Amino acid sequence: MMRRAALALLVLPLALAAQPLLPLPRVVEIVAERYHGRMIEARVVPGRDDEETSVAYELRWLTPANDVLRIRVSATDGGMLLVEGSGMIAARK
């Protein structure tokens, strides 16, 4: 696990330099078009092996029902990669 984390730290700057990233406000707009609520945390993370992106935004999204969703969005094209958490169906627009 530690080796993978160290590798991610080395690969992430290369991926960032190779591809333009969507700005965070645009990613928040993309998520807000699909889910009620607001962002409470965001971070840029390396894409996982099963994702078709090298860089992703991982958002914590607070729904009107006070549920917290974890949402992963491709940082290069804005595609939704993962949505999980209690209340995600009710938060859909």
PDB file of N, CA and C in Angstrom:
ATOM      1  N   MET A   1       0.830  -1.202   0.000  1.00  0.00           N
ATOM      2  CA  MET A   1       0.000   0.000   0.000  1.00  0.00           C
ATOM      3  C   MET A   1       0.871   1.261   0.000  1.00  0.00           C
ATOM      4  N   MET A   2       1.903   1.245   0.832  1.00  0.00           N
ATOM      5  CA  MET A   2       2.788   2.397   0.920  1.00  0.00           C
ATOM      6  C   MET A   2       3.497   2.627  -0.408  1.00  0.00           C
ATOM      7  N   ARG A   3       3.875   1.535  -1.065  1.00  0.00           N
ATOM      8  CA  ARG A   3       4.558   1.659  -2.346  1.00  0.00           C
ATOM      9  C   ARG A   3       3.641   2.284  -3.394  1.00  0.00           C
ATOM     10  N   ARG A   4       2.368   1.883  -3.400  1.00  0.00           N
ATOM     11  CA  ARG A   4       1.414   2.449  -4.350  1.00  0.00           C
ATOM     12  C   ARG A   4       1.207   3.941  -4.092  1.00  0.00           C
ATOM     13  N   ALA A   5       1.129   4.338  -2.830  1.00  0.00           N
ATOM     14  CA  ALA A   5       0.961   5.752  -2.486  1.00  0.00           C
ATOM     15  C   ALA A   5       2.171   6.558  -2.938  1.00  0.00           C
ATOM     16  N   ALA A   6       3.356   6.007  -2.747  1.00  0.00           N
ATOM     17  CA  ALA A   6       4.567   6.707  -3.178  1.00  0.00           C
ATOM     18  C   ALA A   6       4.599   6.831  -4.691  1.00  0.00           C
ATOM     19  N   LEU A   7       4.191   5.770  -5.384  1.00  0.00           N
ATOM     20  CA  LEU A   7       4.134   5.802  -6.844  1.00  0.00           C
ATOM     21  C   LEU A   7       3.126   6.838  -7.317  1.00  0.00           C
ATOM     22  N   ALA A   8       1.987   6.921  -6.649  1.00  0.00           N
ATOM     23  CA  ALA A   8       0.964   7.915  -7.015  1.00  0.00           C
ATOM     24  C   ALA A   8       1.511   9.328  -6.870  1.00  0.00           C
ATOM     25  N   LEU A   9       2.312   9.568  -5.849  1.00  0.00           N
ATOM     26  CA  LEU A   9       2.891  10.898  -5.662  1.00  0.00           C
ATOM     27  C   LEU A   9       3.876  11.247  -6.773  1.00  0.00           C
ATOM     28  N   LEU A  10       4.530  10.241  -7.326  1.00  0.00           N
ATOM     29  CA  LEU A  10       5.451  10.476  -8.433  1.00  0.00           C
ATOM     30  C   LEU A  10       4.718  10.650  -9.757  1.00  0.00           C
ATOM     31  N   VAL A  11       3.663   9.889  -9.970  1.00  0.00           N
ATOM     32  CA  VAL A  11       2.940   9.897 -11.240  1.00  0.00           C
ATOM     33  C   VAL A  11       2.001  11.095 -11.340  1.00  0.00           C
ATOM     34  N   LEU A  12       1.407  11.509 -10.262  1.00  0.00           N
ATOM     35  CA  LEU A  12       0.423  12.594 -10.304  1.00  0.00           C
ATOM     36  C   LEU A  12       0.983  13.874 -10.912  1.00  0.00           C
ATOM     37  N   PRO A  13       2.159  14.368 -10.530  1.00  0.00           N
ATOM     38  CA  PRO A  13       2.659  15.584 -11.176  1.00  0.00           C
ATOM     39  C   PRO A  13       2.866  15.411 -12.678  1.00  0.00           C
ATOM     40  N   LEU A  14       3.276  14.224 -13.114  1.00  0.00           N
ATOM     41  CA  LEU A  14       3.438  13.983 -14.545  1.00  0.00           C
ATOM     42  C   LEU A  14       2.100  14.036 -15.257  1.00  0.00           C
ATOM     43  N   ALA A  15       1.087  13.455 -14.655  1.00  0.00           N
ATOM     44  CA  ALA A  15      -0.248  13.477 -15.260  1.00  0.00           C
ATOM     45  C   ALA A  15      -0.793  14.893 -15.313  1.00  0.00           C
ATOM     46  N   LEU A  16      -0.546  15.654 -14.266  1.00  0.00           N
ATOM     47  CA  LEU A  16      -1.028  17.036 -14.248  1.00  0.00           C
ATOM     48  C   LEU A  16      -0.368  17.863 -15.341  1.00  0.00           C
ATOM     49  N   ALA A  17       0.903  17.615 -15.579  1.00  0.00           N
ATOM     50  CA  ALA A  17       1.617  18.379 -16.596  1.00  0.00           C
ATOM     51  C   ALA A  17       1.199  17.963 -17.999  1.00  0.00           C
ATOM     52  N   ALA A  18       0.791  16.716 -18.178  1.00  0.00           N
ATOM     53  CA  ALA A  18       0.482  16.193 -19.504  1.00  0.00           C
ATOM     54  C   ALA A  18      -0.908  16.571 -20.000  1.00  0.00           C
ATOM     55  N   GLN A  19      -1.842  16.826 -19.134  1.00  0.00           N
ATOM     56  CA  GLN A  19      -3.221  17.070 -19.529  1.00  0.00           C
ATOM     57  C   GLN A  19      -3.764  18.292 -18.806  1.00  0.00           C
ATOM     58  N   PRO A  20      -4.497  19.135 -19.520  1.00  0.00           N
ATOM     59  CA  PRO A  20      -5.142  20.239 -18.802  1.00  0.00           C
ATOM     60  C   PRO A  20      -6.296  19.699 -17.948  1.00  0.00           C
ATOM     61  N   LEU A  21      -6.415  20.235 -16.759  1.00  0.00           N
ATOM     62  CA  LEU A  21      -7.481  19.805 -15.857  1.00  0.00           C
ATOM     63  C   LEU A  21      -8.638  20.793 -15.908  1.00  0.00           C
ATOM     64  N   LEU A  22      -9.828  20.261 -15.730  1.00  0.00           N
ATOM     65  CA  LEU A  22     -10.984  21.141 -15.584  1.00  0.00           C
ATOM     66  C   LEU A  22     -10.838  21.913 -14.280  1.00  0.00           C
ATOM     67  N   PRO A  23     -11.241  23.172 -14.258  1.00  0.00           N
ATOM     68  CA  PRO A  23     -11.191  23.897 -12.987  1.00  0.00           C
ATOM     69  C   PRO A  23     -12.239  23.345 -12.019  1.00  0.00           C
ATOM     70  N   LEU A  24     -11.918  23.407 -10.751  1.00  0.00           N
ATOM     71  CA  LEU A  24     -12.831  22.889  -9.730  1.00  0.00           C
ATOM     72  C   LEU A  24     -14.229  23.497  -9.824  1.00  0.00           C
ATOM     73  N   PRO A  25     -14.397  24.802 -10.051  1.00  0.00           N
ATOM     74  CA  PRO A  25     -15.759  25.338 -10.158  1.00  0.00           C
ATOM     75  C   PRO A  25     -16.583  24.672 -11.269  1.00  0.00           C
ATOM     76  N   ARG A  26     -15.942  24.289 -12.372  1.00  0.00           N
ATOM     77  CA  ARG A  26     -16.671  23.596 -13.446  1.00  0.00           C
ATOM     78  C   ARG A  26     -17.086  22.205 -12.999  1.00  0.00           C
ATOM     79  N   VAL A  27     -16.230  21.514 -12.270  1.00  0.00           N
ATOM     80  CA  VAL A  27     -16.561  20.184 -11.764  1.00  0.00           C
ATOM     81  C   VAL A  27     -17.730  20.277 -10.780  1.00  0.00           C
ATOM     82  N   VAL A  28     -17.731  21.286  -9.937  1.00  0.00           N
ATOM     83  CA  VAL A  28     -18.845  21.487  -8.998  1.00  0.00           C
ATOM     84  C   VAL A  28     -20.147  21.731  -9.779  1.00  0.00           C
ATOM     85  N   GLU A  29     -20.089  22.498 -10.865  1.00  0.00           N
ATOM     86  CA  GLU A  29     -21.278  22.718 -11.708  1.00  0.00           C
ATOM     87  C   GLU A  29     -21.793  21.402 -12.278  1.00  0.00           C
ATOM     88  N   ILE A  30     -20.887  20.558 -12.754  1.00  0.00           N
ATOM     89  CA  ILE A  30     -21.272  19.263 -13.323  1.00  0.00           C
ATOM     90  C   ILE A  30     -22.007  18.424 -12.291  1.00  0.00           C
ATOM     91  N   VAL A  31     -21.472  18.377 -11.078  1.00  0.00           N
ATOM     92  CA  VAL A  31     -22.116  17.590 -10.021  1.00  0.00           C
ATOM     93  C   VAL A  31     -23.452  18.220  -9.625  1.00  0.00           C
ATOM     94  N   ALA A  32     -23.490  19.546  -9.518  1.00  0.00           N
ATOM     95  CA  ALA A  32     -24.718  20.247  -9.112  1.00  0.00           C
ATOM     96  C   ALA A  32     -25.835  20.093 -10.146  1.00  0.00           C
ATOM     97  N   GLU A  33     -25.478  19.830 -11.395  1.00  0.00           N
ATOM     98  CA  GLU A  33     -26.499  19.570 -12.417  1.00  0.00           C
ATOM     99  C   GLU A  33     -27.211  18.249 -12.168  1.00  0.00           C
ATOM    100  N   ARG A  34     -26.593  17.358 -11.424  1.00  0.00           N
ATOM    101  CA  ARG A  34     -27.150  16.014 -11.200  1.00  0.00           C
ATOM    102  C   ARG A  34     -27.607  15.741  -9.773  1.00  0.00           C
ATOM    103  N   TYR A  35     -27.023  16.462  -8.818  1.00  0.00           N
ATOM    104  CA  TYR A  35     -27.329  16.192  -7.412  1.00  0.00           C
ATOM    105  C   TYR A  35     -27.634  17.473  -6.658  1.00  0.00           C
ATOM    106  N   HIS A  36     -28.666  17.424  -5.811  1.00  0.00           N
ATOM    107  CA  HIS A  36     -28.961  18.529  -4.903  1.00  0.00           C
ATOM    108  C   HIS A  36     -27.901  18.540  -3.807  1.00  0.00           C
ATOM    109  N   GLY A  37     -27.530  19.708  -3.361  1.00  0.00           N
ATOM    110  CA  GLY A  37     -26.586  19.807  -2.260  1.00  0.00           C
ATOM    111  C   GLY A  37     -25.456  20.756  -2.589  1.00  0.00           C
ATOM    112  N   ARG A  38     -24.368  20.586  -1.833  1.00  0.00           N
ATOM    113  CA  ARG A  38     -23.212  21.463  -2.023  1.00  0.00           C
ATOM    114  C   ARG A  38     -21.935  20.717  -1.654  1.00  0.00           C
ATOM    115  N   MET A  39     -20.832  21.178  -2.244  1.00  0.00           N
ATOM    116  CA  MET A  39     -19.533  20.584  -1.966  1.00  0.00           C
ATOM    117  C   MET A  39     -19.052  21.025  -0.587  1.00  0.00           C
ATOM    118  N   ILE A  40     -18.524  20.079   0.177  1.00  0.00           N
ATOM    119  CA  ILE A  40     -17.943  20.432   1.468  1.00  0.00           C
ATOM    120  C   ILE A  40     -16.449  20.132   1.520  1.00  0.00           C
ATOM    121  N   GLU A  41     -15.948  19.376   0.531  1.00  0.00           N
ATOM    122  CA  GLU A  41     -14.515  19.085   0.473  1.00  0.00           C
ATOM    123  C   GLU A  41     -14.190  18.592  -0.924  1.00  0.00           C
ATOM    124  N   ALA A  42     -12.998  18.915  -1.388  1.00  0.00           N
ATOM    125  CA  ALA A  42     -12.541  18.422  -2.688  1.00  0.00           C
ATOM    126  C   ALA A  42     -11.039  18.203  -2.642  1.00  0.00           C
ATOM    127  N   ARG A  43     -10.609  17.218  -3.405  1.00  0.00           N
ATOM    128  CA  ARG A  43      -9.174  16.998  -3.544  1.00  0.00           C
ATOM    129  C   ARG A  43      -8.896  16.368  -4.899  1.00  0.00           C
ATOM    130  N   VAL A  44      -7.710  16.598  -5.390  1.00  0.00           N
ATOM    131  CA  VAL A  44      -7.264  15.989  -6.639  1.00  0.00           C
ATOM    132  C   VAL A  44      -6.522  14.716  -6.278  1.00  0.00           C
ATOM    133  N   VAL A  45      -6.909  13.616  -6.937  1.00  0.00           N
ATOM    134  CA  VAL A  45      -6.319  12.315  -6.635  1.00  0.00           C
ATOM    135  C   VAL A  45      -5.953  11.613  -7.942  1.00  0.00           C
ATOM    136  N   PRO A  46      -5.032  10.676  -7.882  1.00  0.00           N
ATOM    137  CA  PRO A  46      -4.726   9.906  -9.094  1.00  0.00           C
ATOM    138  C   PRO A  46      -5.908   9.013  -9.465  1.00  0.00           C
ATOM    139  N   GLY A  47      -6.095   8.792 -10.755  1.00  0.00           N
ATOM    140  CA  GLY A  47      -7.127   7.855 -11.199  1.00  0.00           C
ATOM    141  C   GLY A  47      -6.775   6.449 -10.745  1.00  0.00           C
ATOM    142  N   ARG A  48      -7.809   5.650 -10.537  1.00  0.00           N
ATOM    143  CA  ARG A  48      -7.587   4.259 -10.136  1.00  0.00           C
ATOM    144  C   ARG A  48      -7.411   3.392 -11.371  1.00  0.00           C
ATOM    145  N   ASP A  49      -6.936   2.196 -11.162  1.00  0.00           N
ATOM    146  CA  ASP A  49      -6.680   1.282 -12.275  1.00  0.00           C
ATOM    147  C   ASP A  49      -7.937   0.995 -13.094  1.00  0.00           C
ATOM    148  N   ASP A  50      -9.100   0.975 -12.450  1.00  0.00           N
ATOM    149  CA  ASP A  50     -10.341   0.657 -13.156  1.00  0.00           C
ATOM    150  C   ASP A  50     -11.024   1.890 -13.760  1.00  0.00           C
ATOM    151  N   GLU A  51     -10.409   3.048 -13.693  1.00  0.00           N
ATOM    152  CA  GLU A  51     -10.975   4.284 -14.240  1.00  0.00           C
ATOM    153  C   GLU A  51     -10.223   4.684 -15.508  1.00  0.00           C
ATOM    154  N   GLU A  52     -10.924   5.301 -16.423  1.00  0.00           N
ATOM    155  CA  GLU A  52     -10.301   5.720 -17.678  1.00  0.00           C
ATOM    156  C   GLU A  52      -9.792   7.155 -17.599  1.00  0.00           C
ATOM    157  N   THR A  53      -9.178   7.500 -16.505  1.00  0.00           N
ATOM    158  CA  THR A  53      -8.575   8.816 -16.332  1.00  0.00           C
ATOM    159  C   THR A  53      -7.350   8.678 -15.449  1.00  0.00           C
ATOM    160  N   SER A  54      -6.404   9.556 -15.653  1.00  0.00           N
ATOM    161  CA  SER A  54      -5.201   9.494 -14.823  1.00  0.00           C
ATOM    162  C   SER A  54      -5.316  10.377 -13.586  1.00  0.00           C
ATOM    163  N   VAL A  55      -6.256  11.333 -13.634  1.00  0.00           N
ATOM    164  CA  VAL A  55      -6.440  12.266 -12.520  1.00  0.00           C
ATOM    165  C   VAL A  55      -7.935  12.458 -12.288  1.00  0.00           C
ATOM    166  N   ALA A  56      -8.335  12.507 -11.024  1.00  0.00           N
ATOM    167  CA  ALA A  56      -9.754  12.686 -10.689  1.00  0.00           C
ATOM    168  C   ALA A  56      -9.897  13.703  -9.561  1.00  0.00           C
ATOM    169  N   TYR A  57     -11.070  14.299  -9.516  1.00  0.00           N
ATOM    170  CA  TYR A  57     -11.463  15.072  -8.344  1.00  0.00           C
ATOM    171  C   TYR A  57     -12.298  14.136  -7.471  1.00  0.00           C
ATOM    172  N   GLU A  58     -12.034  14.158  -6.190  1.00  0.00           N
ATOM    173  CA  GLU A  58     -12.865  13.414  -5.246  1.00  0.00           C
ATOM    174  C   GLU A  58     -13.556  14.445  -4.371  1.00  0.00           C
ATOM    175  N   LEU A  59     -14.877  14.477  -4.460  1.00  0.00           N
ATOM    176  CA  LEU A  59     -15.666  15.464  -3.733  1.00  0.00           C
ATOM    177  C   LEU A  59     -16.432  14.802  -2.604  1.00  0.00           C
ATOM    178  N   ARG A  60     -16.599  15.527  -1.523  1.00  0.00           N
ATOM    179  CA  ARG A  60     -17.584  15.174  -0.493  1.00  0.00           C
ATOM    180  C   ARG A  60     -18.712  16.159  -0.698  1.00  0.00           C
ATOM    181  N   TRP A  61     -19.935  15.640  -0.877  1.00  0.00           N
ATOM    182  CA  TRP A  61     -21.100  16.427  -1.263  1.00  0.00           C
ATOM    183  C   TRP A  61     -22.174  16.290  -0.186  1.00  0.00           C
ATOM    184  N   LEU A  62     -22.555  17.401   0.422  1.00  0.00           N
ATOM    185  CA  LEU A  62     -23.577  17.398   1.461  1.00  0.00           C
ATOM    186  C   LEU A  62     -24.944  17.580   0.819  1.00  0.00           C
ATOM    187  N   THR A  63     -25.836  16.614   1.027  1.00  0.00           N
ATOM    188  CA  THR A  63     -27.176  16.680   0.444  1.00  0.00           C
ATOM    189  C   THR A  63     -28.111  17.461   1.369  1.00  0.00           C
ATOM    190  N   PRO A  64     -29.292  17.877   0.864  1.00  0.00           N
ATOM    191  CA  PRO A  64     -30.252  18.580   1.723  1.00  0.00           C
ATOM    192  C   PRO A  64     -30.702  17.761   2.938  1.00  0.00           C
ATOM    193  N   ALA A  65     -30.597  16.428   2.838  1.00  0.00           N
ATOM    194  CA  ALA A  65     -30.976  15.564   3.958  1.00  0.00           C
ATOM    195  C   ALA A  65     -29.807  15.328   4.925  1.00  0.00           C
ATOM    196  N   ASN A  66     -28.722  16.096   4.746  1.00  0.00           N
ATOM    197  CA  ASN A  66     -27.512  15.989   5.566  1.00  0.00           C
ATOM    198  C   ASN A  66     -26.781  14.658   5.414  1.00  0.00           C
ATOM    199  N   ASP A  67     -26.967  14.007   4.284  1.00  0.00           N
ATOM    200  CA  ASP A  67     -26.165  12.839   3.945  1.00  0.00           C
ATOM    201  C   ASP A  67     -24.909  13.346   3.234  1.00  0.00           C
ATOM    202  N   VAL A  68     -23.837  12.597   3.327  1.00  0.00           N
ATOM    203  CA  VAL A  68     -22.600  12.973   2.643  1.00  0.00           C
ATOM    204  C   VAL A  68     -22.305  11.919   1.573  1.00  0.00           C
ATOM    205  N   LEU A  69     -22.205  12.393   0.331  1.00  0.00           N
ATOM    206  CA  LEU A  69     -21.869  11.524  -0.790  1.00  0.00           C
ATOM    207  C   LEU A  69     -20.391  11.670  -1.106  1.00  0.00           C
ATOM    208  N   ARG A  70     -19.807  10.607  -1.566  1.00  0.00           N
ATOM    209  CA  ARG A  70     -18.442  10.629  -2.092  1.00  0.00           C
ATOM    210  C   ARG A  70     -18.570  10.518  -3.608  1.00  0.00           C
ATOM    211  N   ILE A  71     -18.088  11.523  -4.305  1.00  0.00           N
ATOM    212  CA  ILE A  71     -18.241  11.581  -5.754  1.00  0.00           C
ATOM    213  C   ILE A  71     -16.871  11.756  -6.388  1.00  0.00           C
ATOM    214  N   ARG A  72     -16.557  10.885  -7.343  1.00  0.00           N
ATOM    215  CA  ARG A  72     -15.309  10.981  -8.111  1.00  0.00           C
ATOM    216  C   ARG A  72     -15.660  11.410  -9.527  1.00  0.00           C
ATOM    217  N   VAL A  73     -14.949  12.423 -10.009  1.00  0.00           N
ATOM    218  CA  VAL A  73     -15.182  12.989 -11.334  1.00  0.00           C
ATOM    219  C   VAL A  73     -13.845  13.057 -12.062  1.00  0.00           C
ATOM    220  N   SER A  74     -13.836  12.669 -13.341  1.00  0.00           N
ATOM    221  CA  SER A  74     -12.611  12.787 -14.128  1.00  0.00           C
ATOM    222  C   SER A  74     -12.192  14.249 -14.187  1.00  0.00           C
ATOM    223  N   ALA A  75     -10.951  14.510 -13.867  1.00  0.00           N
ATOM    224  CA  ALA A  75     -10.453  15.886 -13.876  1.00  0.00           C
ATOM    225  C   ALA A  75     -10.155  16.380 -15.286  1.00  0.00           C
ATOM    226  N   THR A  76     -10.137  15.474 -16.253  1.00  0.00           N
ATOM    227  CA  THR A  76      -9.827  15.878 -17.616  1.00  0.00           C
ATOM    228  C   THR A  76     -11.057  16.094 -18.479  1.00  0.00           C
ATOM    229  N   ASP A  77     -12.115  15.284 -18.281  1.00  0.00           N
ATOM    230  CA  ASP A  77     -13.298  15.437 -19.133  1.00  0.00           C
ATOM    231  C   ASP A  77     -14.614  15.623 -18.380  1.00  0.00           C
ATOM    232  N   GLY A  78     -14.594  15.582 -17.056  1.00  0.00           N
ATOM    233  CA  GLY A  78     -15.796  15.816 -16.266  1.00  0.00           C
ATOM    234  C   GLY A  78     -16.733  14.630 -16.158  1.00  0.00           C
ATOM    235  N   GLY A  79     -16.296  13.473 -16.626  1.00  0.00           N
ATOM    236  CA  GLY A  79     -17.144  12.282 -16.525  1.00  0.00           C
ATOM    237  C   GLY A  79     -17.271  11.807 -15.088  1.00  0.00           C
ATOM    238  N   MET A  80     -18.478  11.388 -14.735  1.00  0.00           N
ATOM    239  CA  MET A  80     -18.701  10.860 -13.390  1.00  0.00           C
ATOM    240  C   MET A  80     -18.105   9.460 -13.309  1.00  0.00           C
ATOM    241  N   LEU A  81     -17.275   9.234 -12.321  1.00  0.00           N
ATOM    242  CA  LEU A  81     -16.605   7.955 -12.150  1.00  0.00           C
ATOM    243  C   LEU A  81     -17.224   7.112 -11.048  1.00  0.00           C
ATOM    244  N   LEU A  82     -17.704   7.773  -9.996  1.00  0.00           N
ATOM    245  CA  LEU A  82     -18.238   7.047  -8.841  1.00  0.00           C
ATOM    246  C   LEU A  82     -19.117   7.974  -8.027  1.00  0.00           C
ATOM    247  N   VAL A  83     -20.241   7.450  -7.599  1.00  0.00           N
ATOM    248  CA  VAL A  83     -21.078   8.147  -6.620  1.00  0.00           C
ATOM    249  C   VAL A  83     -21.478   7.095  -5.596  1.00  0.00           C
ATOM    250  N   GLU A  84     -21.201   7.374  -4.334  1.00  0.00           N
ATOM    251  CA  GLU A  84     -21.604   6.431  -3.295  1.00  0.00           C
ATOM    252  C   GLU A  84     -21.947   7.194  -2.024  1.00  0.00           C
ATOM    253  N   GLY A  85     -22.776   6.557  -1.245  1.00  0.00           N
ATOM    254  CA  GLY A  85     -23.166   7.145   0.028  1.00  0.00           C
ATOM    255  C   GLY A  85     -24.662   7.019   0.244  1.00  0.00           C
ATOM    256  N   SER A  86     -25.039   7.101   1.475  1.00  0.00           N
ATOM    257  CA  SER A  86     -26.448   7.035   1.845  1.00  0.00           C
ATOM    258  C   SER A  86     -27.182   8.271   1.316  1.00  0.00           C
ATOM    259  N   GLY A  87     -28.349   8.071   0.723  1.00  0.00           N
ATOM    260  CA  GLY A  87     -29.154   9.183   0.247  1.00  0.00           C
ATOM    261  C   GLY A  87     -28.860   9.637  -1.162  1.00  0.00           C
ATOM    262  N   MET A  88     -28.039   8.894  -1.902  1.00  0.00           N
ATOM    263  CA  MET A  88     -27.682   9.355  -3.239  1.00  0.00           C
ATOM    264  C   MET A  88     -28.859   9.321  -4.211  1.00  0.00           C
ATOM    265  N   ILE A  89     -29.789   8.395  -4.046  1.00  0.00           N
ATOM    266  CA  ILE A  89     -30.970   8.348  -4.921  1.00  0.00           C
ATOM    267  C   ILE A  89     -31.864   9.551  -4.639  1.00  0.00           C
ATOM    268  N   ALA A  90     -32.085   9.853  -3.381  1.00  0.00           N
ATOM    269  CA  ALA A  90     -32.952  10.987  -3.018  1.00  0.00           C
ATOM    270  C   ALA A  90     -32.347  12.325  -3.442  1.00  0.00           C
ATOM    271  N   ALA A  91     -31.024  12.399  -3.515  1.00  0.00           N
ATOM    272  CA  ALA A  91     -30.366  13.657  -3.879  1.00  0.00           C
ATOM    273  C   ALA A  91     -30.331  13.895  -5.381  1.00  0.00           C
ATOM    274  N   ARG A  92     -30.652  12.875  -6.185  1.00  0.00           N
ATOM    275  CA  ARG A  92     -30.629  13.022  -7.647  1.00  0.00           C
ATOM    276  C   ARG A  92     -31.647  14.054  -8.093  1.00  0.00           C
ATOM    277  N   LYS A  93     -31.283  14.833  -9.102  1.00  0.00           N
ATOM    278  CA  LYS A  93     -32.214  15.807  -9.683  1.00  0.00           C
ATOM    279  C   LYS A  93     -33.024  15.147 -10.780  1.00  0.00           C
TER     280      LYS A  93
END
